[in-house]
Amino acid sequence: MSSRDQLACASRRGRQRPTRPVPAGDECFRLPWARWLLTAAMVMISHAAQAHGIVGNRLFPGTLSFDDPAVMDELILPAVSNLKHPGEGADVADGRIGGSFTRLLTSTLAFGIESGWMHRNWGPAQRWGFDTTTLGLKGLLYKNELHEVMISAGLGWGIGGSGAQGTGASGPDTLQPGIFFGKGFGDLPDSLSWLRPFAITGAVTLEHPMTGSSANFGIDPGTGQLGPMLTRAVDTLHWGFSIQYSTYYLTGRYAPGKLPKDEPLHQFIPIVEFSFDTPRGEKTAATMNPGLAYVADTWQVAAEAVVPLNSEGGRGIGVRAHLFLFLDDLIPAVFGKPLFESLTDMRSDARARR
């Protein structure tokens, strides 16, 4: 997927600017769903995949403000957040509960769906409704066990009109190409052994609207009243990076220069994420998100504070928390193999019974 909980409020603020009021019954343009066929252009390089975002001794945990480089069977539910930030014409407070589901099609390619439920407090009024639903493909491009490197790429489709106008989520169709990477420092020499627990991950995603405007609720600058507004959609670059510290490297399970005998699970990982949303022609919304993740064998839980680095990033400290479920380990009978491989096995079994 193109995003975990990528400051959805900042994303909508970036791609939509109020231009004029419109009657409540007006509808925004929607492109034909056939545009999704553009995703067929994705080409992935085949490498052996591994669960949990593991490469060598390194485990890259699921990040919360942008996507991580892992490609796997995964359910994120719930994904909750709360943040006060600039909205369409006024400061708003958004509470969100959402989730995403990712299913491996092959060992290196996954399909995913992501959405959520929003509560927006405008001050004088409150609105509820669905957030934008996003479909996507994500594939593993490169993986190096000894040097703890993982790179993947994805392409998402934000379905136009799938979100509620009252929460600012009724945007046009969007295409969301992105690249995601992780690099651990466990391969450093003994002279820099104190740096081995550290790792960095990052993501860059472009959100490109397929039409120039849509209708959402906002504050009319002329009357100060909340109502439907025609908003302008612009390209928005979502980018960010994280600094992570793996406590696994402080245990006897880690042997320098050797691959692990068992998966490096059951560990705490302190993490600081830096997230940025840059709409074309507008100021960048920036946040720093310190938090902590714990990774077990079938699940991960993570929580972080959302600390604005500028006024566009928020109005006070917010919070975000996710529960990640590793479906291949949690329900191996269903998710133990990629979907296409499972279908092939089912056809082989059927032929054998005949």
Protein backbone atom coordinates (compact mmCIF):
# COMPACT_ATOMS: atom_id res chain seq x y z
CA MET A 1 0.00 0.00 0.00
CA SER A 2 1.00 3.54 -0.47
CA SER A 3 0.40 4.52 3.07
CA ARG A 4 -0.13 3.31 6.60
CA ASP A 5 -1.83 6.37 8.13
CA GLN A 6 0.10 8.94 6.19
CA LEU A 7 -1.41 11.98 7.87
CA ALA A 8 -4.54 11.52 5.79
CA CYS A 9 -5.63 14.93 6.99
CA ALA A 10 -2.46 16.53 5.60
CA SER A 11 -2.89 14.64 2.35
CA ARG A 12 -6.38 16.01 1.83
CA ARG A 13 -5.30 19.48 2.86
CA GLY A 14 -2.53 19.38 0.30
CA ARG A 15 -4.46 18.21 -2.70
CA GLN A 16 -7.62 20.24 -2.07
CA ARG A 17 -7.84 24.02 -1.74
CA PRO A 18 -11.20 25.83 -1.44
CA THR A 19 -12.02 27.90 -4.51
CA ARG A 20 -15.77 28.66 -4.30
CA PRO A 21 -18.98 27.36 -2.72
CA VAL A 22 -21.05 24.86 -4.68
CA PRO A 23 -24.60 23.56 -4.20
CA ALA A 24 -24.75 20.54 -1.93
CA GLY A 25 -26.06 18.34 -4.76
CA ASP A 26 -23.13 18.92 -7.13
CA GLU A 27 -20.85 15.99 -7.87
CA CYS A 28 -17.14 16.05 -8.66
CA PHE A 29 -15.81 14.56 -11.87
CA ARG A 30 -14.78 10.92 -11.72
CA LEU A 31 -12.53 9.17 -14.18
CA PRO A 32 -13.53 5.77 -15.57
CA TRP A 33 -12.43 2.91 -13.39
CA ALA A 34 -10.55 1.61 -16.41
CA ARG A 35 -7.64 3.84 -15.37
CA TRP A 36 -6.81 1.15 -12.87
CA LEU A 37 -5.54 -0.87 -15.81
CA LEU A 38 -2.46 1.35 -15.70
CA THR A 39 -1.27 -0.73 -12.78
CA ALA A 40 -0.62 -3.57 -15.20
CA ALA A 41 2.54 -1.71 -16.20
CA MET A 42 4.24 -2.69 -12.94
CA VAL A 43 7.19 -5.03 -13.41
CA MET A 44 8.80 -6.72 -10.42
CA ILE A 45 12.16 -8.47 -10.07
CA SER A 46 11.85 -11.90 -8.43
CA HIS A 47 13.63 -12.60 -5.12
CA ALA A 48 12.81 -14.92 -2.25
CA ALA A 49 10.43 -13.22 0.15
CA GLN A 50 10.38 -13.61 3.93
CA ALA A 51 7.74 -12.77 6.48
CA HIS A 52 7.72 -9.83 8.89
CA GLY A 53 10.06 -7.60 6.84
CA ILE A 54 13.11 -9.64 7.85
CA VAL A 55 16.41 -9.41 5.96
CA GLY A 56 19.36 -11.16 7.60
CA ASN A 57 19.46 -10.22 11.29
CA ARG A 58 17.36 -7.14 10.64
CA LEU A 59 13.64 -6.84 11.22
CA PHE A 60 12.07 -3.73 9.74
CA PRO A 61 8.90 -3.14 11.79
CA GLY A 62 5.75 -1.79 10.22
CA THR A 63 5.92 2.00 10.28
CA LEU A 64 2.86 4.14 11.03
CA SER A 65 3.17 7.41 9.10
CA PHE A 66 4.38 5.88 5.81
CA ASP A 67 4.73 2.42 4.30
CA ASP A 68 7.61 0.04 5.09
CA PRO A 69 9.57 -2.00 2.50
CA ALA A 70 8.14 -5.41 3.48
CA VAL A 71 5.85 -7.35 1.12
CA MET A 72 3.76 -9.95 2.97
CA ASP A 73 0.34 -11.23 4.05
CA GLU A 74 -0.79 -8.71 6.64
CA LEU A 75 -3.84 -7.24 8.34
CA ILE A 76 -3.58 -3.89 10.13
CA LEU A 77 -6.59 -3.52 12.42
CA PRO A 78 -7.17 -1.28 14.18
CA ALA A 79 -5.14 1.72 13.03
CA VAL A 80 -6.18 4.67 15.20
CA SER A 81 -5.06 8.28 15.22
CA ASN A 82 -6.08 11.66 16.58
CA LEU A 83 -4.69 15.02 15.50
CA LYS A 84 -5.71 18.67 15.32
CA HIS A 85 -4.53 20.36 12.13
CA PRO A 86 -5.37 23.04 9.55
CA GLY A 87 -8.37 22.01 7.45
CA GLU A 88 -10.36 23.49 4.58
CA GLY A 89 -10.69 27.05 5.85
CA ALA A 90 -10.34 26.32 9.60
CA ASP A 91 -8.55 24.22 12.18
CA VAL A 92 -10.16 20.79 12.58
CA ALA A 93 -9.63 17.81 14.87
CA ASP A 94 -9.64 14.41 13.15
CA GLY A 95 -10.15 11.08 14.87
CA ARG A 96 -9.64 8.08 12.60
CA ILE A 97 -9.98 4.33 12.93
CA GLY A 98 -8.97 2.34 9.89
CA GLY A 99 -7.27 -0.72 8.60
CA SER A 100 -5.64 -2.38 5.63
CA PHE A 101 -5.37 -5.89 4.23
CA THR A 102 -2.50 -7.17 2.09
CA ARG A 103 -2.39 -10.53 0.29
CA LEU A 104 0.60 -12.05 -1.47
CA LEU A 105 -0.14 -12.89 -5.10
CA THR A 106 3.35 -14.29 -5.66
CA SER A 107 6.32 -14.50 -3.31
CA THR A 108 7.30 -10.92 -4.22
CA LEU A 109 4.06 -9.22 -5.29
CA ALA A 110 1.09 -8.30 -3.08
CA PHE A 111 -2.34 -6.74 -3.53
CA GLY A 112 -3.79 -4.50 -0.83
CA ILE A 113 -6.81 -2.47 0.18
CA GLU A 114 -6.91 0.34 2.76
CA SER A 115 -9.67 2.55 4.18
CA GLY A 116 -11.02 3.94 7.42
CA TRP A 117 -13.76 5.78 9.31
CA MET A 118 -13.30 9.46 10.14
CA HIS A 119 -14.75 11.79 12.75
CA ARG A 120 -14.03 15.45 12.00
CA ASN A 121 -14.72 18.18 14.54
CA TRP A 122 -14.99 21.55 12.80
CA GLY A 123 -15.71 23.38 16.06
CA PRO A 124 -19.22 24.62 15.22
CA ALA A 125 -20.16 21.27 13.66
CA GLN A 126 -19.09 17.64 13.49
CA ARG A 127 -19.08 15.21 10.57
CA TRP A 128 -18.57 11.45 10.22
CA GLY A 129 -17.88 9.25 7.24
CA PHE A 130 -15.56 6.96 5.34
CA ASP A 131 -12.04 7.96 4.41
CA THR A 132 -10.81 7.41 0.84
CA THR A 133 -10.45 3.76 -0.14
CA THR A 134 -7.15 2.86 -1.80
CA LEU A 135 -6.28 -0.26 -3.79
CA GLY A 136 -2.70 -1.10 -4.63
CA LEU A 137 0.04 -3.42 -5.78
CA LYS A 138 3.42 -3.64 -4.08
CA GLY A 139 6.43 -5.69 -5.10
CA LEU A 140 9.85 -6.54 -3.72
CA LEU A 141 12.61 -5.26 -6.02
CA TYR A 142 15.84 -6.04 -4.15
CA LYS A 143 16.96 -7.79 -1.00
CA ASN A 144 20.45 -8.40 0.46
CA GLU A 145 20.62 -10.54 3.59
CA LEU A 146 24.21 -9.81 4.68
CA HIS A 147 23.97 -6.05 4.12
CA GLU A 148 20.42 -5.78 5.49
CA VAL A 149 18.95 -3.99 2.48
CA MET A 150 15.36 -4.21 1.25
CA ILE A 151 13.77 -2.15 -1.55
CA SER A 152 10.22 -2.35 -2.87
CA ALA A 153 7.91 -0.32 -5.10
CA GLY A 154 4.18 0.10 -5.36
CA LEU A 155 1.34 1.70 -7.26
CA GLY A 156 -1.93 2.67 -5.60
CA TRP A 157 -5.30 3.88 -6.82
CA GLY A 158 -7.27 6.20 -4.59
CA ILE A 159 -10.88 5.59 -5.63
CA GLY A 160 -12.53 8.91 -6.49
CA GLY A 161 -15.61 9.76 -4.45
CA SER A 162 -15.16 6.86 -2.03
CA GLY A 163 -14.68 9.18 0.95
CA ALA A 164 -17.20 11.44 2.71
CA GLN A 165 -17.49 15.12 1.79
CA GLY A 166 -18.01 16.14 5.39
CA THR A 167 -14.59 14.82 6.44
CA GLY A 168 -12.78 16.29 3.43
CA ALA A 169 -12.19 12.85 1.93
CA SER A 170 -14.25 13.05 -1.27
CA GLY A 171 -11.42 13.56 -3.73
CA PRO A 172 -10.91 12.63 -7.37
CA ASP A 173 -9.29 9.43 -8.58
CA THR A 174 -5.58 9.47 -7.75
CA LEU A 175 -2.59 7.43 -8.87
CA GLN A 176 0.04 6.87 -6.19
CA PRO A 177 3.39 5.47 -7.36
CA GLY A 178 5.91 4.99 -4.58
CA ILE A 179 9.24 3.46 -3.57
CA PHE A 180 10.13 2.10 -0.11
CA PHE A 181 13.52 1.12 1.31
CA GLY A 182 15.28 -0.09 4.42
CA LYS A 183 18.97 -0.34 5.39
CA GLY A 184 20.30 -1.86 8.59
CA PHE A 185 23.82 -1.25 9.94
CA GLY A 186 24.48 -4.73 11.30
CA ASP A 187 27.21 -5.17 8.65
CA LEU A 188 29.42 -2.45 10.15
CA PRO A 189 32.95 -3.40 11.36
CA ASP A 190 33.81 -4.02 15.00
CA SER A 191 35.15 -0.47 15.35
CA LEU A 192 31.59 0.80 14.80
CA SER A 193 29.77 -2.02 16.59
CA TRP A 194 27.75 0.46 18.68
CA LEU A 195 25.96 1.50 15.49
CA ARG A 196 24.90 -2.02 14.48
CA PRO A 197 21.46 -1.90 16.19
CA PHE A 198 20.51 1.17 14.14
CA ALA A 199 18.63 1.13 10.83
CA ILE A 200 16.88 3.60 8.56
CA THR A 201 13.80 3.15 6.41
CA GLY A 202 12.13 5.58 4.07
CA ALA A 203 9.36 6.08 1.54
CA VAL A 204 8.54 8.48 -1.29
CA THR A 205 5.01 8.48 -2.77
CA LEU A 206 3.53 10.86 -5.33
CA GLU A 207 -0.23 11.37 -5.10
CA HIS A 208 -1.42 12.51 -8.54
CA PRO A 209 -5.11 13.55 -8.91
CA MET A 210 -6.67 12.62 -12.24
CA THR A 211 -9.03 15.63 -12.26
CA GLY A 212 -8.51 19.20 -11.13
CA SER A 213 -11.29 19.67 -8.58
CA SER A 214 -13.79 17.99 -6.28
CA ALA A 215 -16.48 18.92 -3.75
CA ASN A 216 -15.89 18.78 0.02
CA PHE A 217 -17.08 20.59 3.10
CA GLY A 218 -15.15 23.66 4.20
CA ILE A 219 -15.49 27.07 5.80
CA ASP A 220 -16.70 29.70 3.34
CA PRO A 221 -14.25 32.61 3.75
CA GLY A 222 -17.03 35.07 2.86
CA THR A 223 -19.66 33.93 5.34
CA GLY A 224 -17.65 31.90 7.84
CA GLN A 225 -20.22 29.12 7.49
CA LEU A 226 -19.54 25.41 6.99
CA GLY A 227 -20.82 24.06 3.69
CA PRO A 228 -19.92 22.35 0.39
CA MET A 229 -16.93 23.92 -1.37
CA LEU A 230 -15.38 23.35 -4.76
CA THR A 231 -11.77 22.44 -3.97
CA ARG A 232 -8.70 22.34 -6.17
CA ALA A 233 -6.69 19.11 -6.42
CA VAL A 234 -2.90 19.29 -6.83
CA ASP A 235 -0.02 16.82 -6.89
CA THR A 236 1.25 16.02 -3.40
CA LEU A 237 4.58 14.39 -2.58
CA HIS A 238 4.48 12.26 0.58
CA TRP A 239 7.94 11.46 1.85
CA GLY A 240 9.56 10.43 5.08
CA PHE A 241 12.19 8.38 6.87
CA SER A 242 12.64 6.61 10.18
CA ILE A 243 15.53 5.93 12.54
CA GLN A 244 15.18 2.59 14.33
CA TYR A 245 17.05 0.79 17.10
CA SER A 246 16.83 -3.01 17.29
CA THR A 247 17.23 -4.46 20.78
CA TYR A 248 17.88 -7.86 19.16
CA TYR A 249 21.51 -6.80 18.61
CA LEU A 250 21.97 -6.47 22.37
CA THR A 251 21.14 -10.14 22.98
CA GLY A 252 23.09 -13.37 22.63
CA ARG A 253 20.93 -14.32 19.65
CA TYR A 254 22.95 -11.96 17.46
CA ALA A 255 26.29 -13.16 16.04
CA PRO A 256 28.26 -10.56 14.02
CA GLY A 257 28.77 -11.56 10.40
CA LYS A 258 26.41 -14.56 10.59
CA LEU A 259 22.84 -15.01 9.48
CA PRO A 260 20.42 -15.92 12.28
CA LYS A 261 19.30 -19.50 12.88
CA ASP A 262 15.82 -18.27 13.86
CA GLU A 263 13.81 -15.24 12.84
CA PRO A 264 14.80 -12.18 14.94
CA LEU A 265 11.38 -11.79 16.54
CA HIS A 266 10.27 -10.98 20.12
CA GLN A 267 12.02 -7.63 20.41
CA PHE A 268 11.33 -4.00 21.23
CA ILE A 269 12.26 -1.44 18.58
CA PRO A 270 12.34 2.25 19.56
CA ILE A 271 11.65 4.31 16.46
CA VAL A 272 11.45 7.95 15.37
CA GLU A 273 9.63 8.69 12.13
CA PHE A 274 9.83 11.97 10.22
CA SER A 275 6.91 12.52 7.85
CA PHE A 276 6.44 15.25 5.24
CA ASP A 277 3.60 16.17 2.85
CA THR A 278 4.50 18.63 0.08
CA PRO A 279 1.62 19.84 -2.11
CA ARG A 280 2.68 21.46 -5.37
CA GLY A 281 2.94 25.21 -4.81
CA GLU A 282 2.21 24.97 -1.09
CA LYS A 283 4.15 24.72 2.16
CA THR A 284 5.29 21.33 3.45
CA ALA A 285 3.50 19.83 6.44
CA ALA A 286 6.13 18.21 8.69
CA THR A 287 5.89 16.03 11.78
CA MET A 288 8.30 14.10 14.01
CA ASN A 289 6.83 10.88 15.41
CA PRO A 290 8.71 9.19 18.27
CA GLY A 291 7.37 5.82 19.30
CA LEU A 292 7.93 2.20 20.20
CA ALA A 293 7.14 -1.09 18.47
CA TYR A 294 7.08 -4.62 19.83
CA VAL A 295 7.25 -7.51 17.36
CA ALA A 296 6.11 -11.02 18.31
CA ASP A 297 5.81 -14.10 16.10
CA THR A 298 2.28 -13.43 14.78
CA TRP A 299 1.70 -9.75 15.57
CA GLN A 300 3.23 -6.34 16.11
CA VAL A 301 1.91 -3.44 18.14
CA ALA A 302 3.25 0.08 17.74
CA ALA A 303 2.36 3.54 19.03
CA GLU A 304 3.83 6.98 18.52
CA ALA A 305 3.27 10.63 19.29
CA VAL A 306 2.66 13.00 16.37
CA VAL A 307 4.71 16.15 17.04
CA PRO A 308 4.20 18.97 14.52
CA LEU A 309 7.40 20.58 13.23
CA ASN A 310 5.53 23.52 11.69
CA SER A 311 2.03 24.99 11.74
CA GLU A 312 1.03 23.04 8.63
CA GLY A 313 1.88 19.77 10.41
CA GLY A 314 -0.64 20.24 13.22
CA ARG A 315 -1.91 22.21 16.17
CA GLY A 316 -0.62 20.33 19.19
CA ILE A 317 0.65 16.82 19.81
CA GLY A 318 -1.39 13.97 18.36
CA VAL A 319 -1.22 10.21 18.77
CA ARG A 320 -1.23 7.18 16.48
CA ALA A 321 -1.29 3.41 17.18
CA HIS A 322 -1.55 0.27 15.01
CA LEU A 323 -1.93 -3.46 15.52
CA PHE A 324 -0.29 -5.54 12.77
CA LEU A 325 -1.31 -9.19 12.30
CA PHE A 326 1.04 -11.48 10.31
CA LEU A 327 -1.53 -13.63 8.57
CA ASP A 328 0.86 -16.24 7.15
CA ASP A 329 1.87 -17.24 10.69
CA LEU A 330 -1.47 -16.54 12.35
CA ILE A 331 -3.58 -18.53 9.86
CA PRO A 332 -1.08 -20.68 7.92
CA ALA A 333 -3.78 -22.96 6.48
CA VAL A 334 -5.16 -20.00 4.50
CA PHE A 335 -2.19 -17.67 4.10
CA GLY A 336 0.72 -20.10 4.22
CA LYS A 337 1.40 -19.71 0.49
CA PRO A 338 0.98 -16.88 -2.04
CA LEU A 339 -2.45 -16.85 -3.68
CA PHE A 340 -1.37 -17.93 -7.15
CA GLU A 341 0.77 -20.73 -5.72
CA SER A 342 -2.15 -21.89 -3.57
CA LEU A 343 -4.48 -21.91 -6.59
CA THR A 344 -1.92 -23.95 -8.55
CA ASP A 345 -1.72 -26.49 -5.72
CA MET A 346 -5.51 -26.73 -5.56
CA ARG A 347 -5.71 -27.45 -9.28
CA SER A 348 -2.96 -30.09 -8.94
CA ASP A 349 -4.81 -31.77 -6.07
CA ALA A 350 -8.03 -31.78 -8.08
CA ARG A 351 -6.31 -33.42 -11.02
CA ALA A 352 -4.72 -36.01 -8.71
CA ARG A 353 -8.14 -36.93 -7.24
CA ARG A 354 -9.54 -37.47 -10.73
